[in-house]
Amino acid sequence: MTIWQKTVTANVTSVAPPRVGNLAVPDLPSFAAIGLPVEIEVRIRDRHTPKEWANAYAVQATDDLRIYSILRTARTTDPTLGECHELHYLQMALEKTAKAFLLKASSNFENHRTSHEVFEKFQKNCFRDPSSGIGKKYASQLGAFKVLGKAIEKLAPAVARDVTPENVEYPWSNGSTLFTPAKESFQGGWGSAKPHLPAFVQMLGDVLKTI
């Protein structure tokens, strides 16, 4: 998996043998002449397997879920706490749970690790995977889970920011009004799916147990 990358520019310094700068590049095309500028993408990759990354994401997601529960309980005794804080941890737990599940058995895992929008692929794979048992256990609630998952994913500031600037982390503006997450409610659009939130959180915990 790529942990660092950079594009550098250097000139062809030799054609026989082919070299760019001090680097041997055996696949240079025949028209490459000395002095021709070449862009080279340099990547440093780690030595960890997708399974190891999946386990790491699962550990962090489990802790995020725990903090979510703590904050949710705290808000029942202190309603002045912003709803955004617990939902921030729930959004992070959802993202990491989805990534852990997808990384577990993926050959193209780099895109999963770096993207914030993974719920759609996660639910298609997880809810239909007989080995996870999720589709069977929560069969009557999968429709609500899809609504909740998409809504919670959009709470991340990096997801669809130009379309839906509402998020649980940073203030935003609609052009005339400035909004602060700590003062906003985010569950108004969840409709009939909202009562299924406790089961949704339980489902995430069940998925993490399969990693």
C-alpha atoms as a PDB file:
ATOM      1  CA  MET A   1       0.000   0.000   0.000  1.00  0.00           C
ATOM      2  CA  THR A   2       1.305   3.456  -0.893  1.00  0.00           C
ATOM      3  CA  ILE A   3       2.241   5.516   2.169  1.00  0.00           C
ATOM      4  CA  TRP A   4       4.074   8.301   0.296  1.00  0.00           C
ATOM      5  CA  GLN A   5       4.233   9.427  -3.317  1.00  0.00           C
ATOM      6  CA  LYS A   6       5.647  12.286  -5.318  1.00  0.00           C
ATOM      7  CA  THR A   7       6.077  13.143  -8.980  1.00  0.00           C
ATOM      8  CA  VAL A   8       9.547  14.355  -9.928  1.00  0.00           C
ATOM      9  CA  THR A   9      10.931  15.658 -13.220  1.00  0.00           C
ATOM     10  CA  ALA A  10      14.344  14.627 -14.551  1.00  0.00           C
ATOM     11  CA  ASN A  11      16.077  14.508 -17.918  1.00  0.00           C
ATOM     12  CA  VAL A  12      17.149  11.509 -19.963  1.00  0.00           C
ATOM     13  CA  THR A  13      20.902  11.217 -19.346  1.00  0.00           C
ATOM     14  CA  SER A  14      21.650   8.106 -21.384  1.00  0.00           C
ATOM     15  CA  VAL A  15      19.925   6.011 -24.028  1.00  0.00           C
ATOM     16  CA  ALA A  16      22.305   3.031 -23.998  1.00  0.00           C
ATOM     17  CA  PRO A  17      21.763   1.963 -21.319  1.00  0.00           C
ATOM     18  CA  PRO A  18      18.583   4.033 -20.817  1.00  0.00           C
ATOM     19  CA  ARG A  19      18.761   6.287 -17.763  1.00  0.00           C
ATOM     20  CA  VAL A  20      16.758   9.200 -16.393  1.00  0.00           C
ATOM     21  CA  GLY A  21      18.917  11.209 -14.038  1.00  0.00           C
ATOM     22  CA  ASN A  22      20.804   8.540 -12.079  1.00  0.00           C
ATOM     23  CA  LEU A  23      17.967   6.020 -12.412  1.00  0.00           C
ATOM     24  CA  ALA A  24      18.039   3.074 -14.821  1.00  0.00           C
ATOM     25  CA  VAL A  25      14.741   2.963 -16.747  1.00  0.00           C
ATOM     26  CA  PRO A  26      14.779  -0.097 -19.047  1.00  0.00           C
ATOM     27  CA  ASP A  27      11.398   0.612 -20.644  1.00  0.00           C
ATOM     28  CA  LEU A  28      12.163   4.026 -22.144  1.00  0.00           C
ATOM     29  CA  PRO A  29      10.704   4.362 -25.663  1.00  0.00           C
ATOM     30  CA  SER A  30      13.100   4.409 -28.624  1.00  0.00           C
ATOM     31  CA  PHE A  31      12.463   8.102 -29.349  1.00  0.00           C
ATOM     32  CA  ALA A  32      13.708   9.190 -25.896  1.00  0.00           C
ATOM     33  CA  ALA A  33      16.752  11.387 -26.553  1.00  0.00           C
ATOM     34  CA  ILE A  34      19.332  12.694 -24.115  1.00  0.00           C
ATOM     35  CA  GLY A  35      18.024  15.841 -22.444  1.00  0.00           C
ATOM     36  CA  LEU A  36      14.332  14.939 -22.886  1.00  0.00           C
ATOM     37  CA  PRO A  37      12.420  15.822 -19.680  1.00  0.00           C
ATOM     38  CA  VAL A  38      10.586  12.889 -18.069  1.00  0.00           C
ATOM     39  CA  GLU A  39       8.117  12.855 -15.176  1.00  0.00           C
ATOM     40  CA  ILE A  40       8.618   9.987 -12.753  1.00  0.00           C
ATOM     41  CA  GLU A  41       6.131   9.020 -10.042  1.00  0.00           C
ATOM     42  CA  VAL A  42       7.898   7.775  -6.938  1.00  0.00           C
ATOM     43  CA  ARG A  43       5.941   5.647  -4.467  1.00  0.00           C
ATOM     44  CA  ILE A  44       6.959   4.193  -1.128  1.00  0.00           C
ATOM     45  CA  ARG A  45       4.901   1.166  -0.130  1.00  0.00           C
ATOM     46  CA  ASP A  46       4.466  -0.457   3.251  1.00  0.00           C
ATOM     47  CA  ARG A  47       4.945  -4.161   3.962  1.00  0.00           C
ATOM     48  CA  HIS A  48       1.561  -4.824   5.577  1.00  0.00           C
ATOM     49  CA  THR A  49      -1.114  -7.129   4.176  1.00  0.00           C
ATOM     50  CA  PRO A  50      -4.731  -6.064   3.592  1.00  0.00           C
ATOM     51  CA  LYS A  51      -5.705  -8.315   6.502  1.00  0.00           C
ATOM     52  CA  GLU A  52      -3.348  -6.449   8.830  1.00  0.00           C
ATOM     53  CA  TRP A  53      -4.813  -3.131   7.711  1.00  0.00           C
ATOM     54  CA  ALA A  54      -8.322  -4.552   8.209  1.00  0.00           C
ATOM     55  CA  ASN A  55      -7.503  -5.554  11.773  1.00  0.00           C
ATOM     56  CA  ALA A  56      -6.073  -2.116  12.518  1.00  0.00           C
ATOM     57  CA  TYR A  57      -9.181  -0.387  11.177  1.00  0.00           C
ATOM     58  CA  ALA A  58     -11.406  -2.749  13.163  1.00  0.00           C
ATOM     59  CA  VAL A  59      -9.598  -1.957  16.423  1.00  0.00           C
ATOM     60  CA  GLN A  60      -9.991   1.782  15.841  1.00  0.00           C
ATOM     61  CA  ALA A  61     -13.633   1.439  14.767  1.00  0.00           C
ATOM     62  CA  THR A  62     -14.404  -0.523  17.935  1.00  0.00           C
ATOM     63  CA  ASP A  63     -12.973   2.285  20.055  1.00  0.00           C
ATOM     64  CA  ASP A  64     -14.880   4.910  18.021  1.00  0.00           C
ATOM     65  CA  LEU A  65     -18.119   3.038  18.719  1.00  0.00           C
ATOM     66  CA  ARG A  66     -17.279   2.958  22.411  1.00  0.00           C
ATOM     67  CA  ILE A  67     -16.731   6.729  22.502  1.00  0.00           C
ATOM     68  CA  TYR A  68     -19.972   7.216  20.560  1.00  0.00           C
ATOM     69  CA  SER A  69     -21.869   5.320  23.248  1.00  0.00           C
ATOM     70  CA  ILE A  70     -20.181   7.304  26.031  1.00  0.00           C
ATOM     71  CA  LEU A  71     -21.060  10.625  24.397  1.00  0.00           C
ATOM     72  CA  ARG A  72     -24.612   9.521  23.653  1.00  0.00           C
ATOM     73  CA  THR A  73     -25.109   8.581  27.299  1.00  0.00           C
ATOM     74  CA  ALA A  74     -23.521  11.834  28.451  1.00  0.00           C
ATOM     75  CA  ARG A  75     -25.998  13.851  26.356  1.00  0.00           C
ATOM     76  CA  THR A  76     -28.932  12.244  28.170  1.00  0.00           C
ATOM     77  CA  THR A  77     -27.722  13.841  31.406  1.00  0.00           C
ATOM     78  CA  ASP A  78     -26.436  17.049  29.817  1.00  0.00           C
ATOM     79  CA  PRO A  79     -28.618  18.042  26.843  1.00  0.00           C
ATOM     80  CA  THR A  80     -26.458  21.130  26.239  1.00  0.00           C
ATOM     81  CA  LEU A  81     -23.826  18.882  24.663  1.00  0.00           C
ATOM     82  CA  GLY A  82     -23.934  19.092  20.891  1.00  0.00           C
ATOM     83  CA  GLU A  83     -25.358  16.129  19.014  1.00  0.00           C
ATOM     84  CA  CYS A  84     -22.526  16.583  16.535  1.00  0.00           C
ATOM     85  CA  HIS A  85     -19.935  15.047  18.870  1.00  0.00           C
ATOM     86  CA  GLU A  86     -21.518  11.617  19.167  1.00  0.00           C
ATOM     87  CA  LEU A  87     -22.410  11.607  15.474  1.00  0.00           C
ATOM     88  CA  HIS A  88     -18.826  12.489  14.584  1.00  0.00           C
ATOM     89  CA  TYR A  89     -17.629   9.319  16.283  1.00  0.00           C
ATOM     90  CA  LEU A  90     -20.445   7.299  14.731  1.00  0.00           C
ATOM     91  CA  GLN A  91     -19.485   8.560  11.265  1.00  0.00           C
ATOM     92  CA  MET A  92     -15.850   7.628  11.880  1.00  0.00           C
ATOM     93  CA  ALA A  93     -16.861   4.216  13.254  1.00  0.00           C
ATOM     94  CA  LEU A  94     -18.997   3.555  10.169  1.00  0.00           C
ATOM     95  CA  GLU A  95     -16.206   4.544   7.778  1.00  0.00           C
ATOM     96  CA  LYS A  96     -13.593   2.414   9.530  1.00  0.00           C
ATOM     97  CA  THR A  97     -15.924  -0.569   9.903  1.00  0.00           C
ATOM     98  CA  ALA A  98     -16.697  -0.439   6.196  1.00  0.00           C
ATOM     99  CA  LYS A  99     -13.009  -0.170   5.322  1.00  0.00           C
ATOM    100  CA  ALA A 100     -12.107  -3.036   7.653  1.00  0.00           C
ATOM    101  CA  PHE A 101     -14.697  -5.284   6.019  1.00  0.00           C
ATOM    102  CA  LEU A 102     -13.649  -4.362   2.470  1.00  0.00           C
ATOM    103  CA  LEU A 103      -9.933  -4.605   3.226  1.00  0.00           C
ATOM    104  CA  LYS A 104     -10.357  -8.045   4.778  1.00  0.00           C
ATOM    105  CA  ALA A 105     -10.573  -9.820   1.445  1.00  0.00           C
ATOM    106  CA  SER A 106      -9.813  -7.189  -1.192  1.00  0.00           C
ATOM    107  CA  SER A 107      -7.152  -7.266  -3.867  1.00  0.00           C
ATOM    108  CA  ASN A 108      -7.756  -3.586  -4.732  1.00  0.00           C
ATOM    109  CA  PHE A 109      -7.588  -2.290  -1.195  1.00  0.00           C
ATOM    110  CA  GLU A 110      -5.763   1.011  -1.657  1.00  0.00           C
ATOM    111  CA  ASN A 111      -8.875   2.816  -2.918  1.00  0.00           C
ATOM    112  CA  HIS A 112     -10.856   1.549   0.075  1.00  0.00           C
ATOM    113  CA  ARG A 113      -8.264   2.838   2.520  1.00  0.00           C
ATOM    114  CA  THR A 114      -8.045   6.374   1.153  1.00  0.00           C
ATOM    115  CA  SER A 115     -11.698   7.061   0.276  1.00  0.00           C
ATOM    116  CA  HIS A 116     -14.246   8.544   2.689  1.00  0.00           C
ATOM    117  CA  GLU A 117     -17.155   7.214   0.621  1.00  0.00           C
ATOM    118  CA  VAL A 118     -17.232   3.467   1.176  1.00  0.00           C
ATOM    119  CA  PHE A 119     -20.687   2.722   2.583  1.00  0.00           C
ATOM    120  CA  GLU A 120     -22.342   1.912  -0.749  1.00  0.00           C
ATOM    121  CA  LYS A 121     -19.805  -0.776  -1.628  1.00  0.00           C
ATOM    122  CA  PHE A 122     -19.731  -2.006   1.968  1.00  0.00           C
ATOM    123  CA  GLN A 123     -23.470  -2.531   2.214  1.00  0.00           C
ATOM    124  CA  LYS A 124     -23.625  -4.284  -1.147  1.00  0.00           C
ATOM    125  CA  ASN A 125     -20.890  -6.705  -0.110  1.00  0.00           C
ATOM    126  CA  CYS A 126     -21.660  -7.134   3.570  1.00  0.00           C
ATOM    127  CA  PHE A 127     -25.447  -7.338   3.458  1.00  0.00           C
ATOM    128  CA  ARG A 128     -25.287  -9.960   0.681  1.00  0.00           C
ATOM    129  CA  ASP A 129     -22.418 -11.982   2.158  1.00  0.00           C
ATOM    130  CA  PRO A 130     -23.829 -15.160   3.752  1.00  0.00           C
ATOM    131  CA  SER A 131     -20.675 -15.634   5.832  1.00  0.00           C
ATOM    132  CA  SER A 132     -21.193 -12.323   7.647  1.00  0.00           C
ATOM    133  CA  GLY A 133     -24.701 -13.263   8.751  1.00  0.00           C
ATOM    134  CA  ILE A 134     -25.690  -9.591   8.684  1.00  0.00           C
ATOM    135  CA  GLY A 135     -28.188  -9.849   5.843  1.00  0.00           C
ATOM    136  CA  LYS A 136     -30.050 -12.668   7.544  1.00  0.00           C
ATOM    137  CA  LYS A 137     -29.996 -11.252  11.081  1.00  0.00           C
ATOM    138  CA  TYR A 138     -31.165  -7.773  10.071  1.00  0.00           C
ATOM    139  CA  ALA A 139     -33.203  -8.659   6.989  1.00  0.00           C
ATOM    140  CA  SER A 140     -36.225  -6.552   7.983  1.00  0.00           C
ATOM    141  CA  GLN A 141     -34.064  -3.488   8.707  1.00  0.00           C
ATOM    142  CA  LEU A 142     -31.675  -3.413   5.761  1.00  0.00           C
ATOM    143  CA  GLY A 143     -33.697  -0.732   3.975  1.00  0.00           C
ATOM    144  CA  ALA A 144     -33.473   1.550   6.998  1.00  0.00           C
ATOM    145  CA  PHE A 145     -29.774   0.747   7.377  1.00  0.00           C
ATOM    146  CA  LYS A 146     -29.116   1.931   3.831  1.00  0.00           C
ATOM    147  CA  VAL A 147     -30.817   5.256   4.575  1.00  0.00           C
ATOM    148  CA  LEU A 148     -28.918   5.685   7.840  1.00  0.00           C
ATOM    149  CA  GLY A 149     -25.579   4.669   6.354  1.00  0.00           C
ATOM    150  CA  LYS A 150     -25.783   7.181   3.518  1.00  0.00           C
ATOM    151  CA  ALA A 151     -26.940   9.963   5.848  1.00  0.00           C
ATOM    152  CA  ILE A 152     -24.221   9.271   8.429  1.00  0.00           C
ATOM    153  CA  GLU A 153     -21.500   9.029   5.783  1.00  0.00           C
ATOM    154  CA  LYS A 154     -22.443  12.491   4.498  1.00  0.00           C
ATOM    155  CA  LEU A 155     -21.760  13.944   7.952  1.00  0.00           C
ATOM    156  CA  ALA A 156     -18.032  13.765   7.143  1.00  0.00           C
ATOM    157  CA  PRO A 157     -16.806  17.174   5.926  1.00  0.00           C
ATOM    158  CA  ALA A 158     -14.918  15.556   3.027  1.00  0.00           C
ATOM    159  CA  VAL A 159     -18.018  13.893   1.558  1.00  0.00           C
ATOM    160  CA  ALA A 160     -20.122  15.841  -0.983  1.00  0.00           C
ATOM    161  CA  ARG A 161     -19.062  19.135   0.616  1.00  0.00           C
ATOM    162  CA  ASP A 162     -20.060  21.162  -2.466  1.00  0.00           C
ATOM    163  CA  VAL A 163     -23.555  19.604  -2.516  1.00  0.00           C
ATOM    164  CA  THR A 164     -24.315  19.141   1.181  1.00  0.00           C
ATOM    165  CA  PRO A 165     -22.003  21.347   3.277  1.00  0.00           C
ATOM    166  CA  GLU A 166     -23.661  20.237   6.526  1.00  0.00           C
ATOM    167  CA  ASN A 167     -21.172  18.270   8.606  1.00  0.00           C
ATOM    168  CA  VAL A 168     -20.463  17.420  12.246  1.00  0.00           C
ATOM    169  CA  GLU A 169     -16.944  18.841  12.435  1.00  0.00           C
ATOM    170  CA  TYR A 170     -16.639  22.323  10.918  1.00  0.00           C
ATOM    171  CA  PRO A 171     -18.863  25.427  10.642  1.00  0.00           C
ATOM    172  CA  TRP A 172     -20.438  26.006   7.228  1.00  0.00           C
ATOM    173  CA  SER A 173     -22.449  28.659   5.424  1.00  0.00           C
ATOM    174  CA  ASN A 174     -25.293  28.620   2.926  1.00  0.00           C
ATOM    175  CA  GLY A 175     -24.261  32.070   1.748  1.00  0.00           C
ATOM    176  CA  SER A 176     -26.406  34.087   4.139  1.00  0.00           C
ATOM    177  CA  THR A 177     -26.336  32.109   7.401  1.00  0.00           C
ATOM    178  CA  LEU A 178     -23.348  30.709   9.268  1.00  0.00           C
ATOM    179  CA  PHE A 179     -23.980  27.365  10.974  1.00  0.00           C
ATOM    180  CA  THR A 180     -22.058  25.760  13.839  1.00  0.00           C
ATOM    181  CA  PRO A 181     -22.251  21.943  14.233  1.00  0.00           C
ATOM    182  CA  ALA A 182     -22.526  22.161  18.041  1.00  0.00           C
ATOM    183  CA  LYS A 183     -25.790  24.085  17.684  1.00  0.00           C
ATOM    184  CA  GLU A 184     -27.394  21.977  14.958  1.00  0.00           C
ATOM    185  CA  SER A 185     -29.505  18.808  14.839  1.00  0.00           C
ATOM    186  CA  PHE A 186     -28.624  16.328  12.115  1.00  0.00           C
ATOM    187  CA  GLN A 187     -31.258  13.609  12.369  1.00  0.00           C
ATOM    188  CA  GLY A 188     -34.205  15.552  10.998  1.00  0.00           C
ATOM    189  CA  GLY A 189     -33.922  14.016   7.544  1.00  0.00           C
ATOM    190  CA  TRP A 190     -33.630  10.422   8.685  1.00  0.00           C
ATOM    191  CA  GLY A 191     -37.405   9.952   8.723  1.00  0.00           C
ATOM    192  CA  SER A 192     -38.723   6.493   9.445  1.00  0.00           C
ATOM    193  CA  ALA A 193     -35.188   5.097   9.530  1.00  0.00           C
ATOM    194  CA  LYS A 194     -34.290   6.989  12.713  1.00  0.00           C
ATOM    195  CA  PRO A 195     -35.769   4.416  15.180  1.00  0.00           C
ATOM    196  CA  HIS A 196     -33.463   1.805  13.650  1.00  0.00           C
ATOM    197  CA  LEU A 197     -30.306   3.656  14.760  1.00  0.00           C
ATOM    198  CA  PRO A 198     -29.644   1.437  17.834  1.00  0.00           C
ATOM    199  CA  ALA A 199     -29.860  -1.665  15.629  1.00  0.00           C
ATOM    200  CA  PHE A 200     -27.588   0.007  13.057  1.00  0.00           C
ATOM    201  CA  VAL A 201     -24.950   0.599  15.733  1.00  0.00           C
ATOM    202  CA  GLN A 202     -25.327  -3.008  16.904  1.00  0.00           C
ATOM    203  CA  MET A 203     -24.884  -4.160  13.298  1.00  0.00           C
ATOM    204  CA  LEU A 204     -21.565  -2.311  13.063  1.00  0.00           C
ATOM    205  CA  GLY A 205     -20.414  -4.100  16.204  1.00  0.00           C
ATOM    206  CA  ASP A 206     -21.436  -7.450  14.715  1.00  0.00           C
ATOM    207  CA  VAL A 207     -19.478  -6.724  11.536  1.00  0.00           C
ATOM    208  CA  LEU A 208     -16.376  -5.853  13.532  1.00  0.00           C
ATOM    209  CA  LYS A 209     -16.532  -9.245  15.226  1.00  0.00           C
ATOM    210  CA  THR A 210     -16.125 -10.898  11.807  1.00  0.00           C
ATOM    211  CA  ILE A 211     -12.887  -9.076  10.937  1.00  0.00           C
END
